[in-house]
C-alpha atoms as a PDB file:
ATOM      1  CA  MET A   1       0.157   7.114 -13.493  1.00  0.00           C
ATOM      2  CA  GLN A   2      -0.394   5.155 -16.545  1.00  0.00           C
ATOM      3  CA  LEU A   3       1.878   1.674 -15.672  1.00  0.00           C
ATOM      4  CA  PRO A   4       1.593  -1.741 -16.907  1.00  0.00           C
ATOM      5  CA  PRO A   5       0.209  -4.363 -14.168  1.00  0.00           C
ATOM      6  CA  PHE A   6       1.627  -3.870 -11.210  1.00  0.00           C
ATOM      7  CA  ILE A   7       3.065  -6.426  -8.593  1.00  0.00           C
ATOM      8  CA  LEU A   8       4.262  -5.792  -4.949  1.00  0.00           C
ATOM      9  CA  ALA A   9       6.625  -8.535  -4.172  1.00  0.00           C
ATOM     10  CA  SER A  10       6.091  -8.478  -0.756  1.00  0.00           C
ATOM     11  CA  THR A  11       4.179  -9.754   2.237  1.00  0.00           C
ATOM     12  CA  SER A  12       4.546  -7.057   4.506  1.00  0.00           C
ATOM     13  CA  PRO A  13       1.093  -5.437   5.292  1.00  0.00           C
ATOM     14  CA  ARG A  14       3.182  -2.232   6.259  1.00  0.00           C
ATOM     15  CA  ARG A  15       4.400  -2.139   2.546  1.00  0.00           C
ATOM     16  CA  SER A  16       0.854  -3.023   1.304  1.00  0.00           C
ATOM     17  CA  GLU A  17      -0.810  -0.229   3.208  1.00  0.00           C
ATOM     18  CA  LEU A  18       1.718   2.480   2.115  1.00  0.00           C
ATOM     19  CA  PHE A  19       1.689   1.213  -1.413  1.00  0.00           C
ATOM     20  CA  SER A  20      -2.343   1.564  -1.632  1.00  0.00           C
ATOM     21  CA  LEU A  21      -1.735   5.229  -0.827  1.00  0.00           C
ATOM     22  CA  LEU A  22      -0.839   5.703  -4.602  1.00  0.00           C
ATOM     23  CA  PRO A  23      -3.243   5.807  -7.442  1.00  0.00           C
ATOM     24  CA  VAL A  24      -2.143   2.243  -8.659  1.00  0.00           C
ATOM     25  CA  LYS A  25      -3.845  -1.043  -8.920  1.00  0.00           C
ATOM     26  CA  PHE A  26      -1.722  -3.792  -7.411  1.00  0.00           C
ATOM     27  CA  ARG A  27      -1.578  -7.437  -6.312  1.00  0.00           C
ATOM     28  CA  VAL A  28       0.781  -8.757  -3.828  1.00  0.00           C
ATOM     29  CA  VAL A  29       3.029 -11.894  -4.865  1.00  0.00           C
ATOM     30  CA  ALA A  30       5.522 -13.419  -2.410  1.00  0.00           C
ATOM     31  CA  SER A  31       8.990 -13.596  -3.242  1.00  0.00           C
ATOM     32  CA  ASP A  32      10.987 -16.812  -2.715  1.00  0.00           C
ATOM     33  CA  ALA A  33      14.460 -14.968  -3.163  1.00  0.00           C
ATOM     34  CA  ALA A  34      16.523 -15.504  -0.060  1.00  0.00           C
ATOM     35  CA  GLU A  35      18.233 -12.279   1.696  1.00  0.00           C
ATOM     36  CA  VAL A  36      21.922 -11.848   1.661  1.00  0.00           C
ATOM     37  CA  ALA A  37      24.409  -9.660   3.105  1.00  0.00           C
ATOM     38  CA  PRO A  38      27.852 -10.125   1.690  1.00  0.00           C
ATOM     39  CA  GLU A  39      30.562  -8.175   4.022  1.00  0.00           C
ATOM     40  CA  HIS A  40      32.024  -6.208   1.159  1.00  0.00           C
ATOM     41  CA  LEU A  41      28.839  -4.341   0.468  1.00  0.00           C
ATOM     42  CA  THR A  42      27.455  -1.445   2.021  1.00  0.00           C
ATOM     43  CA  PRO A  43      24.169  -0.977   3.877  1.00  0.00           C
ATOM     44  CA  LEU A  44      22.704   0.660   0.800  1.00  0.00           C
ATOM     45  CA  GLU A  45      23.999  -1.793  -1.593  1.00  0.00           C
ATOM     46  CA  VAL A  46      22.769  -4.802   0.708  1.00  0.00           C
ATOM     47  CA  CYS A  47      19.437  -3.615   0.734  1.00  0.00           C
ATOM     48  CA  GLN A  48      19.363  -2.850  -3.121  1.00  0.00           C
ATOM     49  CA  LEU A  49      20.833  -6.321  -3.925  1.00  0.00           C
ATOM     50  CA  ASN A  50      18.122  -7.841  -1.725  1.00  0.00           C
ATOM     51  CA  ALA A  51      15.406  -5.823  -3.365  1.00  0.00           C
ATOM     52  CA  HIS A  52      16.508  -6.604  -6.974  1.00  0.00           C
ATOM     53  CA  ARG A  53      16.514 -10.323  -5.998  1.00  0.00           C
ATOM     54  CA  LYS A  54      13.251 -10.361  -4.582  1.00  0.00           C
ATOM     55  CA  ALA A  55      11.761  -8.310  -7.629  1.00  0.00           C
ATOM     56  CA  ARG A  56      13.496 -10.415 -10.058  1.00  0.00           C
ATOM     57  CA  ALA A  57      12.242 -13.756  -8.588  1.00  0.00           C
ATOM     58  CA  VAL A  58       8.576 -12.570  -9.125  1.00  0.00           C
ATOM     59  CA  ALA A  59       9.231 -10.730 -12.455  1.00  0.00           C
ATOM     60  CA  LYS A  60      10.642 -14.025 -13.805  1.00  0.00           C
ATOM     61  CA  LYS A  61       7.134 -15.563 -13.443  1.00  0.00           C
ATOM     62  CA  ASN A  62       5.552 -12.400 -14.426  1.00  0.00           C
ATOM     63  CA  PRO A  63       7.262 -10.801 -17.146  1.00  0.00           C
ATOM     64  CA  ASP A  64       4.560  -8.464 -18.264  1.00  0.00           C
ATOM     65  CA  ALA A  65       4.222  -6.707 -14.721  1.00  0.00           C
ATOM     66  CA  LEU A  66       5.947  -4.141 -13.059  1.00  0.00           C
ATOM     67  CA  VAL A  67       7.282  -5.561 -10.301  1.00  0.00           C
ATOM     68  CA  LEU A  68       8.626  -3.583  -7.026  1.00  0.00           C
ATOM     69  CA  GLY A  69      10.611  -5.318  -4.336  1.00  0.00           C
ATOM     70  CA  ALA A  70      12.156  -3.792  -1.499  1.00  0.00           C
ATOM     71  CA  ASP A  71      14.415  -4.606   1.355  1.00  0.00           C
ATOM     72  CA  THR A  72      14.403  -2.835   4.927  1.00  0.00           C
ATOM     73  CA  LEU A  73      17.328  -3.078   7.053  1.00  0.00           C
ATOM     74  CA  VAL A  74      18.596  -1.103  10.223  1.00  0.00           C
ATOM     75  CA  PHE A  75      22.219   0.030  10.505  1.00  0.00           C
ATOM     76  CA  LEU A  76      24.561   0.847  13.520  1.00  0.00           C
ATOM     77  CA  GLY A  77      27.916   1.862  11.929  1.00  0.00           C
ATOM     78  CA  ASN A  78      28.421  -1.395   9.864  1.00  0.00           C
ATOM     79  CA  GLU A  79      26.393  -3.955  11.905  1.00  0.00           C
ATOM     80  CA  ILE A  80      23.052  -5.315  10.377  1.00  0.00           C
ATOM     81  CA  PHE A  81      20.262  -5.314  12.595  1.00  0.00           C
ATOM     82  CA  GLY A  82      17.377  -7.392  10.811  1.00  0.00           C
ATOM     83  CA  LYS A  83      14.533  -9.355  12.008  1.00  0.00           C
ATOM     84  CA  PRO A  84      15.179 -10.663  15.727  1.00  0.00           C
ATOM     85  CA  ARG A  85      15.407 -14.573  15.866  1.00  0.00           C
ATOM     86  CA  SER A  86      13.884 -14.227  19.336  1.00  0.00           C
ATOM     87  CA  ARG A  87      12.229 -11.514  21.972  1.00  0.00           C
ATOM     88  CA  ALA A  88      15.291 -11.686  23.950  1.00  0.00           C
ATOM     89  CA  ASP A  89      17.298 -10.773  20.658  1.00  0.00           C
ATOM     90  CA  ALA A  90      14.812  -8.209  19.910  1.00  0.00           C
ATOM     91  CA  GLY A  91      15.884  -6.801  23.620  1.00  0.00           C
ATOM     92  CA  ARG A  92      19.450  -6.861  22.745  1.00  0.00           C
ATOM     93  CA  MET A  93      18.850  -5.026  19.507  1.00  0.00           C
ATOM     94  CA  LEU A  94      17.312  -2.103  21.389  1.00  0.00           C
ATOM     95  CA  TRP A  95      19.575  -2.009  24.082  1.00  0.00           C
ATOM     96  CA  LYS A  96      22.598  -1.593  21.162  1.00  0.00           C
ATOM     97  CA  LEU A  97      20.410   1.197  19.430  1.00  0.00           C
ATOM     98  CA  GLN A  98      19.157   3.029  22.546  1.00  0.00           C
ATOM     99  CA  GLY A  99      20.514   6.609  22.786  1.00  0.00           C
ATOM    100  CA  ARG A 100      21.994   6.503  19.764  1.00  0.00           C
ATOM    101  CA  THR A 101      21.517   7.584  16.002  1.00  0.00           C
ATOM    102  CA  HIS A 102      21.207   4.751  13.332  1.00  0.00           C
ATOM    103  CA  GLN A 103      20.213   4.112   9.883  1.00  0.00           C
ATOM    104  CA  VAL A 104      17.225   2.750   8.441  1.00  0.00           C
ATOM    105  CA  VAL A 105      17.800   1.740   4.570  1.00  0.00           C
ATOM    106  CA  THR A 106      15.269   0.463   2.474  1.00  0.00           C
ATOM    107  CA  GLY A 107      16.376  -0.521  -1.176  1.00  0.00           C
ATOM    108  CA  VAL A 108      13.555  -0.561  -3.950  1.00  0.00           C
ATOM    109  CA  SER A 109      13.745  -2.463  -7.262  1.00  0.00           C
ATOM    110  CA  LEU A 110      11.370  -2.015 -10.017  1.00  0.00           C
ATOM    111  CA  ILE A 111      11.245  -4.127 -12.873  1.00  0.00           C
ATOM    112  CA  HIS A 112       9.525  -4.856 -15.940  1.00  0.00           C
ATOM    113  CA  LEU A 113      11.312  -8.010 -17.381  1.00  0.00           C
ATOM    114  CA  ARG A 114       9.648  -8.215 -20.908  1.00  0.00           C
ATOM    115  CA  ARG A 115      10.627  -4.554 -21.775  1.00  0.00           C
ATOM    116  CA  HIS A 116      14.082  -4.894 -20.071  1.00  0.00           C
ATOM    117  CA  GLN A 117      13.442  -1.803 -17.834  1.00  0.00           C
ATOM    118  CA  GLU A 118      14.627  -1.582 -14.159  1.00  0.00           C
ATOM    119  CA  LYS A 119      15.465   1.169 -11.767  1.00  0.00           C
ATOM    120  CA  ILE A 120      16.928   0.515  -8.355  1.00  0.00           C
ATOM    121  CA  PHE A 121      17.226   2.883  -5.741  1.00  0.00           C
ATOM    122  CA  ALA A 122      17.829   3.097  -1.664  1.00  0.00           C
ATOM    123  CA  VAL A 123      16.896   5.803   0.836  1.00  0.00           C
ATOM    124  CA  SER A 124      18.397   6.174   4.136  1.00  0.00           C
ATOM    125  CA  THR A 125      16.899   7.806   7.078  1.00  0.00           C
ATOM    126  CA  ASP A 126      18.623   8.641  10.243  1.00  0.00           C
ATOM    127  CA  VAL A 127      16.504   7.537  13.680  1.00  0.00           C
ATOM    128  CA  LEU A 128      18.012   8.726  17.042  1.00  0.00           C
ATOM    129  CA  PHE A 129      16.637   6.750  20.021  1.00  0.00           C
ATOM    130  CA  HIS A 130      15.808   7.932  23.380  1.00  0.00           C
ATOM    131  CA  PRO A 131      18.297   6.796  26.155  1.00  0.00           C
ATOM    132  CA  LEU A 132      16.177   3.860  27.436  1.00  0.00           C
ATOM    133  CA  THR A 133      16.340   1.720  30.320  1.00  0.00           C
ATOM    134  CA  ARG A 134      16.395  -2.118  30.239  1.00  0.00           C
ATOM    135  CA  ALA A 135      12.595  -1.898  31.756  1.00  0.00           C
ATOM    136  CA  GLN A 136      11.314   0.656  29.107  1.00  0.00           C
ATOM    137  CA  ILE A 137      12.890  -1.560  26.704  1.00  0.00           C
ATOM    138  CA  LYS A 138      10.882  -4.595  28.200  1.00  0.00           C
ATOM    139  CA  ASN A 139       8.001  -2.586  28.421  1.00  0.00           C
ATOM    140  CA  TYR A 140       8.176  -1.728  24.551  1.00  0.00           C
ATOM    141  CA  LEU A 141       8.510  -5.155  23.792  1.00  0.00           C
ATOM    142  CA  THR A 142       5.279  -5.989  25.598  1.00  0.00           C
ATOM    143  CA  LYS A 143       3.612  -3.663  23.189  1.00  0.00           C
ATOM    144  CA  ILE A 144       4.425  -4.803  19.820  1.00  0.00           C
ATOM    145  CA  ASN A 145       5.486  -7.903  17.987  1.00  0.00           C
ATOM    146  CA  PRO A 146       9.163  -7.252  17.173  1.00  0.00           C
ATOM    147  CA  LEU A 147       9.754 -10.350  15.459  1.00  0.00           C
ATOM    148  CA  ASP A 148       9.041  -9.600  12.090  1.00  0.00           C
ATOM    149  CA  LYS A 149      10.535  -5.916  12.146  1.00  0.00           C
ATOM    150  CA  ALA A 150      13.914  -4.903  11.300  1.00  0.00           C
ATOM    151  CA  GLY A 151      15.544  -3.780  14.316  1.00  0.00           C
ATOM    152  CA  ALA A 152      12.900  -4.870  16.530  1.00  0.00           C
ATOM    153  CA  TYR A 153      10.627  -2.029  16.323  1.00  0.00           C
ATOM    154  CA  ALA A 154       8.065  -0.077  14.380  1.00  0.00           C
ATOM    155  CA  ILE A 155       8.083   3.790  14.018  1.00  0.00           C
ATOM    156  CA  GLN A 156       4.219   3.716  13.474  1.00  0.00           C
ATOM    157  CA  GLU A 157       3.420   1.303  16.703  1.00  0.00           C
ATOM    158  CA  ARG A 158       4.484   3.229  19.735  1.00  0.00           C
ATOM    159  CA  GLY A 159       7.652   4.678  18.233  1.00  0.00           C
ATOM    160  CA  GLU A 160       7.230   7.611  20.440  1.00  0.00           C
ATOM    161  CA  LEU A 161       8.469   5.489  23.700  1.00  0.00           C
ATOM    162  CA  ILE A 162      11.823   4.827  22.115  1.00  0.00           C
ATOM    163  CA  ILE A 163      12.251   7.353  18.954  1.00  0.00           C
ATOM    164  CA  ALA A 164      13.427  11.046  19.756  1.00  0.00           C
ATOM    165  CA  GLU A 165      13.613  12.109  16.666  1.00  0.00           C
ATOM    166  CA  ILE A 166      14.148  11.495  12.779  1.00  0.00           C
ATOM    167  CA  SER A 167      15.954  12.919  10.058  1.00  0.00           C
ATOM    168  CA  GLY A 168      14.571  11.945   6.492  1.00  0.00           C
ATOM    169  CA  SER A 169      11.432   9.853   5.450  1.00  0.00           C
ATOM    170  CA  PHE A 170       9.195   8.564   8.040  1.00  0.00           C
ATOM    171  CA  SER A 171       7.455   6.279   5.277  1.00  0.00           C
ATOM    172  CA  ASN A 172      11.104   4.728   4.768  1.00  0.00           C
ATOM    173  CA  VAL A 173      11.464   3.861   8.082  1.00  0.00           C
ATOM    174  CA  VAL A 174       8.159   2.030   8.124  1.00  0.00           C
ATOM    175  CA  GLY A 175       9.409   0.051   5.234  1.00  0.00           C
ATOM    176  CA  LEU A 176       8.649   1.893   1.620  1.00  0.00           C
ATOM    177  CA  PRO A 177      10.055   5.417   0.861  1.00  0.00           C
ATOM    178  CA  MET A 178       7.086   6.856  -0.483  1.00  0.00           C
ATOM    179  CA  GLU A 179       8.474  10.269  -1.837  1.00  0.00           C
ATOM    180  CA  ALA A 180      11.314   8.686  -3.773  1.00  0.00           C
ATOM    181  CA  LEU A 181       8.826   5.982  -4.814  1.00  0.00           C
ATOM    182  CA  ARG A 182       6.118   8.427  -6.239  1.00  0.00           C
ATOM    183  CA  GLU A 183       8.976  10.650  -8.045  1.00  0.00           C
ATOM    184  CA  ARG A 184      10.364   7.164  -9.954  1.00  0.00           C
ATOM    185  CA  LEU A 185       7.211   6.099 -10.810  1.00  0.00           C
ATOM    186  CA  SER A 186       5.975   9.431 -12.145  1.00  0.00           C
ATOM    187  CA  ARG A 187       8.903   9.508 -14.922  1.00  0.00           C
ATOM    188  CA  TRP A 188       8.678   5.597 -15.482  1.00  0.00           C
ATOM    189  CA  PRO A 189      10.459   4.145 -17.157  1.00  0.00           C
ATOM    190  CA  ALA A 190      12.940   7.206 -17.783  1.00  0.00           C
END
């Protein structure tokens, strides 16, 4: 892939790890854009908007770089499950998700400001949780740190304890839909 200098506008170690699987040199620059969730937008639109806001904030300071911003949220119907505020909040989220299928949506924004090039897309993956008891949820929360994870869980960290099956991109649930990203980058800027 022949791309301009690349910036990942995310301090997520999971996104950096996934992105490092691509044959692309990149650096990480934290975005200071605040996340928003306007009620009139769909889950995919919320994630795309936040990904765009993050990428644009970094691109304004680095106009010659190709900047990737991403935002991942968990949705059950129209209810958003972002990062929990506490372990009790994490337990509440997992209790609501247990035994049900929810969606993990990641919005991705690629921006090269100097060339006025931009691509925004979102990927949704269905995740089915096992039926869980409160004791199983409490046990799971002792094994991971849920506070930096949308929906209070991580598929790659003992996910087998809570997840029955997924339909769609595994890497999307981790935080970056690699299949869709590879495809977009292979055609960049088209």
